[in-house]
């Protein structure tokens, strides 16, 4: 999941440099969503691993 987030961030940066506004905005939006999903899953995995001990 984190790998996809980094991929979309890189696509957004490259598209922004080259002037493709729509593509950059879309890729940045996808990267934001994936980043927050990754953070939530990471926190949930920390909580679940703490409960088992």
C-alpha atoms as a PDB file:
ATOM      1  CA  UNK A   1       0.000   0.000   0.000  1.00  0.00           C
ATOM      2  CA  UNK A   2       2.789   2.405   0.864  1.00  0.00           C
ATOM      3  CA  UNK A   3       4.515   1.546  -2.420  1.00  0.00           C
ATOM      4  CA  UNK A   4       1.393   2.616  -4.358  1.00  0.00           C
ATOM      5  CA  UNK A   5       1.235   5.864  -2.393  1.00  0.00           C
ATOM      6  CA  UNK A   6       4.843   6.682  -3.246  1.00  0.00           C
ATOM      7  CA  UNK A   7       4.224   5.766  -6.888  1.00  0.00           C
ATOM      8  CA  UNK A   8       1.267   8.133  -7.177  1.00  0.00           C
ATOM      9  CA  UNK A   9       3.169  10.922  -5.398  1.00  0.00           C
ATOM     10  CA  UNK A  10       6.011  10.573  -7.916  1.00  0.00           C
ATOM     11  CA  UNK A  11       3.512  10.591 -10.812  1.00  0.00           C
ATOM     12  CA  UNK A  12       1.898  13.735  -9.393  1.00  0.00           C
ATOM     13  CA  UNK A  13       5.264  15.495  -9.041  1.00  0.00           C
ATOM     14  CA  UNK A  14       6.381  14.596 -12.566  1.00  0.00           C
ATOM     15  CA  UNK A  15       3.007  15.558 -14.055  1.00  0.00           C
ATOM     16  CA  UNK A  16       3.079  18.834 -12.121  1.00  0.00           C
ATOM     17  CA  UNK A  17       6.547  19.683 -13.434  1.00  0.00           C
ATOM     18  CA  UNK A  18       5.507  18.896 -17.001  1.00  0.00           C
ATOM     19  CA  UNK A  19       2.329  20.955 -16.696  1.00  0.00           C
ATOM     20  CA  UNK A  20      -0.329  18.242 -16.743  1.00  0.00           C
ATOM     21  CA  UNK A  21      -2.584  19.786 -14.087  1.00  0.00           C
ATOM     22  CA  UNK A  22      -5.458  17.325 -14.300  1.00  0.00           C
ATOM     23  CA  UNK A  23      -3.216  14.272 -14.131  1.00  0.00           C
ATOM     24  CA  UNK A  24      -1.203  15.749 -11.261  1.00  0.00           C
ATOM     25  CA  UNK A  25      -4.342  16.560  -9.287  1.00  0.00           C
ATOM     26  CA  UNK A  26      -5.787  13.105  -9.800  1.00  0.00           C
ATOM     27  CA  UNK A  27      -2.557  11.330  -8.870  1.00  0.00           C
ATOM     28  CA  UNK A  28      -2.138  13.530  -5.790  1.00  0.00           C
ATOM     29  CA  UNK A  29      -5.713  12.786  -4.719  1.00  0.00           C
ATOM     30  CA  UNK A  30      -5.195   9.047  -5.085  1.00  0.00           C
ATOM     31  CA  UNK A  31      -1.920   9.282  -3.157  1.00  0.00           C
ATOM     32  CA  UNK A  32      -3.656  11.116  -0.303  1.00  0.00           C
ATOM     33  CA  UNK A  33      -6.414   8.518  -0.058  1.00  0.00           C
ATOM     34  CA  UNK A  34      -3.956   5.608  -0.132  1.00  0.00           C
ATOM     35  CA  UNK A  35      -1.759   7.321   2.461  1.00  0.00           C
ATOM     36  CA  UNK A  36      -4.631   7.729   4.917  1.00  0.00           C
ATOM     37  CA  UNK A  37      -5.791   4.145   4.356  1.00  0.00           C
ATOM     38  CA  UNK A  38      -2.219   2.986   5.011  1.00  0.00           C
ATOM     39  CA  UNK A  39      -2.043   5.024   8.242  1.00  0.00           C
ATOM     40  CA  UNK A  40      -5.371   3.634   9.504  1.00  0.00           C
ATOM     41  CA  UNK A  41      -4.337   0.047   8.740  1.00  0.00           C
ATOM     42  CA  UNK A  42      -0.972   0.614  10.414  1.00  0.00           C
ATOM     43  CA  UNK A  43      -2.613   1.943  13.593  1.00  0.00           C
ATOM     44  CA  UNK A  44      -5.094  -0.929  13.621  1.00  0.00           C
ATOM     45  CA  UNK A  45      -2.281  -3.461  13.287  1.00  0.00           C
ATOM     46  CA  UNK A  46      -0.448  -1.823  16.192  1.00  0.00           C
ATOM     47  CA  UNK A  47      -3.576  -1.996  18.342  1.00  0.00           C
ATOM     48  CA  UNK A  48      -4.253  -5.629  17.415  1.00  0.00           C
ATOM     49  CA  UNK A  49      -0.688  -6.695  18.136  1.00  0.00           C
ATOM     50  CA  UNK A  50      -0.846  -4.963  21.518  1.00  0.00           C
ATOM     51  CA  UNK A  51      -4.097  -6.717  22.445  1.00  0.00           C
ATOM     52  CA  UNK A  52      -2.739 -10.215  21.742  1.00  0.00           C
ATOM     53  CA  UNK A  53       0.136  -9.845  24.192  1.00  0.00           C
END
